[in-house]
Amino acid sequence: MNLINTILFISNVLLLVIGQTVWKIGIEKIELSGFKSIINVILSPWIIGGGVLYVIATAIWLYLLSKLPFSLIYPLQSVAYILALFVALIIFKEAIPITRWVGVSVILFGVFLVTR
């Protein structure tokens, strides 16, 4: 992978994780009960912002799909799981059980193998 594609790939993963993070923050600010809550979700700046990030990430992803082997970049997307675990720990103050840390370690090892 050349430098531009590497930067785009990292940007794609970051946008995906940030988009999910923004959605979680936004949905936690809305009380979900009844039809009005659906409207509040749709009109929430947090939800709209996360959607915009996803649109940008998808555009980058489509470009990467056209340039790189699918067998390389699709497994590398699992880096998002690793990053999301740290977001859960740092931003949302979630307790992460050892089984998830082990799972992330397995994913990280798999990413290492795919890139070799």
C-alpha atoms as a PDB file:
ATOM      1  CA  MET A   1       0.000   0.000   0.000  1.00  0.00           C
ATOM      2  CA  ASN A   2       1.451   3.363  -0.947  1.00  0.00           C
ATOM      3  CA  LEU A   3       1.454   6.383   1.373  1.00  0.00           C
ATOM      4  CA  ILE A   4      -1.704   7.996  -0.065  1.00  0.00           C
ATOM      5  CA  ASN A   5      -3.705   4.761   0.218  1.00  0.00           C
ATOM      6  CA  THR A   6      -2.391   4.213   3.743  1.00  0.00           C
ATOM      7  CA  ILE A   7      -3.481   7.711   4.770  1.00  0.00           C
ATOM      8  CA  LEU A   8      -6.879   7.177   3.138  1.00  0.00           C
ATOM      9  CA  PHE A   9      -7.275   3.820   4.852  1.00  0.00           C
ATOM     10  CA  ILE A  10      -6.447   5.281   8.267  1.00  0.00           C
ATOM     11  CA  SER A  11      -8.823   8.177   7.565  1.00  0.00           C
ATOM     12  CA  ASN A  12     -11.559   5.715   6.647  1.00  0.00           C
ATOM     13  CA  VAL A  13     -11.167   3.757   9.883  1.00  0.00           C
ATOM     14  CA  LEU A  14     -11.003   6.926  11.979  1.00  0.00           C
ATOM     15  CA  LEU A  15     -14.124   8.339  10.314  1.00  0.00           C
ATOM     16  CA  LEU A  16     -16.020   5.095  10.931  1.00  0.00           C
ATOM     17  CA  VAL A  17     -15.100   4.982  14.619  1.00  0.00           C
ATOM     18  CA  ILE A  18     -15.667   8.704  15.154  1.00  0.00           C
ATOM     19  CA  GLY A  19     -19.028   8.404  13.362  1.00  0.00           C
ATOM     20  CA  GLN A  20     -20.124   5.594  15.696  1.00  0.00           C
ATOM     21  CA  THR A  21     -18.850   7.542  18.698  1.00  0.00           C
ATOM     22  CA  VAL A  22     -20.806  10.641  17.674  1.00  0.00           C
ATOM     23  CA  TRP A  23     -23.919   8.513  17.157  1.00  0.00           C
ATOM     24  CA  LYS A  24     -23.574   6.981  20.628  1.00  0.00           C
ATOM     25  CA  ILE A  25     -23.143  10.406  22.217  1.00  0.00           C
ATOM     26  CA  GLY A  26     -26.143  11.692  20.279  1.00  0.00           C
ATOM     27  CA  ILE A  27     -28.447   8.776  21.023  1.00  0.00           C
ATOM     28  CA  GLU A  28     -27.646   8.965  24.722  1.00  0.00           C
ATOM     29  CA  LYS A  29     -28.911  12.558  24.708  1.00  0.00           C
ATOM     30  CA  ILE A  30     -32.339  11.533  23.372  1.00  0.00           C
ATOM     31  CA  GLU A  31     -35.047   9.852  25.394  1.00  0.00           C
ATOM     32  CA  LEU A  32     -36.373   7.057  23.204  1.00  0.00           C
ATOM     33  CA  SER A  33     -40.119   6.822  23.764  1.00  0.00           C
ATOM     34  CA  GLY A  34     -42.772   7.282  21.139  1.00  0.00           C
ATOM     35  CA  PHE A  35     -42.955   8.830  17.693  1.00  0.00           C
ATOM     36  CA  LYS A  36     -41.465  12.150  18.764  1.00  0.00           C
ATOM     37  CA  SER A  37     -38.227  10.416  19.699  1.00  0.00           C
ATOM     38  CA  ILE A  38     -37.878   9.185  16.090  1.00  0.00           C
ATOM     39  CA  ILE A  39     -38.106  12.772  14.873  1.00  0.00           C
ATOM     40  CA  ASN A  40     -35.602  13.852  17.533  1.00  0.00           C
ATOM     41  CA  VAL A  41     -33.177  11.164  16.365  1.00  0.00           C
ATOM     42  CA  ILE A  42     -33.535  12.142  12.705  1.00  0.00           C
ATOM     43  CA  LEU A  43     -33.057  15.846  13.443  1.00  0.00           C
ATOM     44  CA  SER A  44     -30.275  15.458  16.002  1.00  0.00           C
ATOM     45  CA  PRO A  45     -27.072  17.259  14.969  1.00  0.00           C
ATOM     46  CA  TRP A  46     -25.114  14.370  16.507  1.00  0.00           C
ATOM     47  CA  ILE A  47     -26.893  11.788  14.369  1.00  0.00           C
ATOM     48  CA  ILE A  48     -26.659  13.946  11.241  1.00  0.00           C
ATOM     49  CA  GLY A  49     -22.959  14.588  11.924  1.00  0.00           C
ATOM     50  CA  GLY A  50     -22.274  10.875  12.323  1.00  0.00           C
ATOM     51  CA  GLY A  51     -24.105  10.251   9.056  1.00  0.00           C
ATOM     52  CA  VAL A  52     -21.960  12.817   7.255  1.00  0.00           C
ATOM     53  CA  LEU A  53     -18.828  11.125   8.583  1.00  0.00           C
ATOM     54  CA  TYR A  54     -20.147   7.805   7.272  1.00  0.00           C
ATOM     55  CA  VAL A  55     -20.793   9.267   3.818  1.00  0.00           C
ATOM     56  CA  ILE A  56     -17.208  10.547   3.657  1.00  0.00           C
ATOM     57  CA  ALA A  57     -15.867   7.206   4.936  1.00  0.00           C
ATOM     58  CA  THR A  58     -17.906   5.362   2.299  1.00  0.00           C
ATOM     59  CA  ALA A  59     -16.532   7.558  -0.486  1.00  0.00           C
ATOM     60  CA  ILE A  60     -12.991   6.828   0.698  1.00  0.00           C
ATOM     61  CA  TRP A  61     -13.808   3.127   0.999  1.00  0.00           C
ATOM     62  CA  LEU A  62     -15.118   2.970  -2.581  1.00  0.00           C
ATOM     63  CA  TYR A  63     -11.910   4.579  -3.813  1.00  0.00           C
ATOM     64  CA  LEU A  64      -9.803   2.103  -1.818  1.00  0.00           C
ATOM     65  CA  LEU A  65     -11.844  -0.823  -3.158  1.00  0.00           C
ATOM     66  CA  SER A  66     -10.975   0.295  -6.674  1.00  0.00           C
ATOM     67  CA  LYS A  67      -7.232   0.492  -5.925  1.00  0.00           C
ATOM     68  CA  LEU A  68      -6.349  -2.293  -3.476  1.00  0.00           C
ATOM     69  CA  PRO A  69      -6.906  -6.029  -3.188  1.00  0.00           C
ATOM     70  CA  PHE A  70     -10.105  -6.843  -1.327  1.00  0.00           C
ATOM     71  CA  SER A  71      -8.289  -9.620   0.533  1.00  0.00           C
ATOM     72  CA  LEU A  72      -5.974  -6.974   2.005  1.00  0.00           C
ATOM     73  CA  ILE A  73      -8.185  -4.043   2.878  1.00  0.00           C
ATOM     74  CA  TYR A  74     -11.304  -5.807   4.128  1.00  0.00           C
ATOM     75  CA  PRO A  75      -9.525  -7.701   6.929  1.00  0.00           C
ATOM     76  CA  LEU A  76      -7.678  -4.500   7.810  1.00  0.00           C
ATOM     77  CA  GLN A  77     -11.030  -2.858   8.570  1.00  0.00           C
ATOM     78  CA  SER A  78     -10.959  -4.841  11.818  1.00  0.00           C
ATOM     79  CA  VAL A  79      -8.586  -2.153  13.091  1.00  0.00           C
ATOM     80  CA  ALA A  80     -11.811  -0.224  13.735  1.00  0.00           C
ATOM     81  CA  TYR A  81     -12.764  -2.802  16.403  1.00  0.00           C
ATOM     82  CA  ILE A  82      -9.496  -2.205  18.187  1.00  0.00           C
ATOM     83  CA  LEU A  83      -9.866   1.561  18.095  1.00  0.00           C
ATOM     84  CA  ALA A  84     -13.492   1.324  19.224  1.00  0.00           C
ATOM     85  CA  LEU A  85     -12.452  -0.625  22.309  1.00  0.00           C
ATOM     86  CA  PHE A  86     -10.177   2.224  23.359  1.00  0.00           C
ATOM     87  CA  VAL A  87     -12.930   4.776  22.638  1.00  0.00           C
ATOM     88  CA  ALA A  88     -15.270   2.763  24.885  1.00  0.00           C
ATOM     89  CA  LEU A  89     -12.648   2.721  27.624  1.00  0.00           C
ATOM     90  CA  ILE A  90     -11.514   6.348  27.430  1.00  0.00           C
ATOM     91  CA  ILE A  91     -14.588   8.303  26.311  1.00  0.00           C
ATOM     92  CA  PHE A  92     -17.468   6.207  27.627  1.00  0.00           C
ATOM     93  CA  LYS A  93     -15.610   4.942  30.719  1.00  0.00           C
ATOM     94  CA  GLU A  94     -16.787   1.376  30.054  1.00  0.00           C
ATOM     95  CA  ALA A  95     -15.335  -1.540  31.956  1.00  0.00           C
ATOM     96  CA  ILE A  96     -13.689  -3.815  29.415  1.00  0.00           C
ATOM     97  CA  PRO A  97     -13.582  -7.488  30.428  1.00  0.00           C
ATOM     98  CA  ILE A  98     -10.440  -9.526  29.843  1.00  0.00           C
ATOM     99  CA  THR A  99     -12.209 -11.588  27.186  1.00  0.00           C
ATOM    100  CA  ARG A 100     -12.572  -8.485  24.987  1.00  0.00           C
ATOM    101  CA  TRP A 101      -8.908  -7.607  25.468  1.00  0.00           C
ATOM    102  CA  VAL A 102      -8.011 -11.139  24.397  1.00  0.00           C
ATOM    103  CA  GLY A 103     -10.314 -10.824  21.400  1.00  0.00           C
ATOM    104  CA  VAL A 104      -8.714  -7.543  20.375  1.00  0.00           C
ATOM    105  CA  SER A 105      -5.276  -9.123  20.737  1.00  0.00           C
ATOM    106  CA  VAL A 106      -6.324 -11.894  18.356  1.00  0.00           C
ATOM    107  CA  ILE A 107      -7.617  -9.299  15.886  1.00  0.00           C
ATOM    108  CA  LEU A 108      -4.400  -7.313  16.178  1.00  0.00           C
ATOM    109  CA  PHE A 109      -2.356 -10.447  15.508  1.00  0.00           C
ATOM    110  CA  GLY A 110      -4.570 -11.159  12.477  1.00  0.00           C
ATOM    111  CA  VAL A 111      -3.997  -7.639  11.148  1.00  0.00           C
ATOM    112  CA  PHE A 112      -0.276  -8.167  11.550  1.00  0.00           C
ATOM    113  CA  LEU A 113      -0.481 -11.416   9.560  1.00  0.00           C
ATOM    114  CA  VAL A 114      -2.576  -9.853   6.782  1.00  0.00           C
ATOM    115  CA  THR A 115      -0.111  -7.015   6.306  1.00  0.00           C
ATOM    116  CA  ARG A 116       2.861  -9.385   5.986  1.00  0.00           C
END
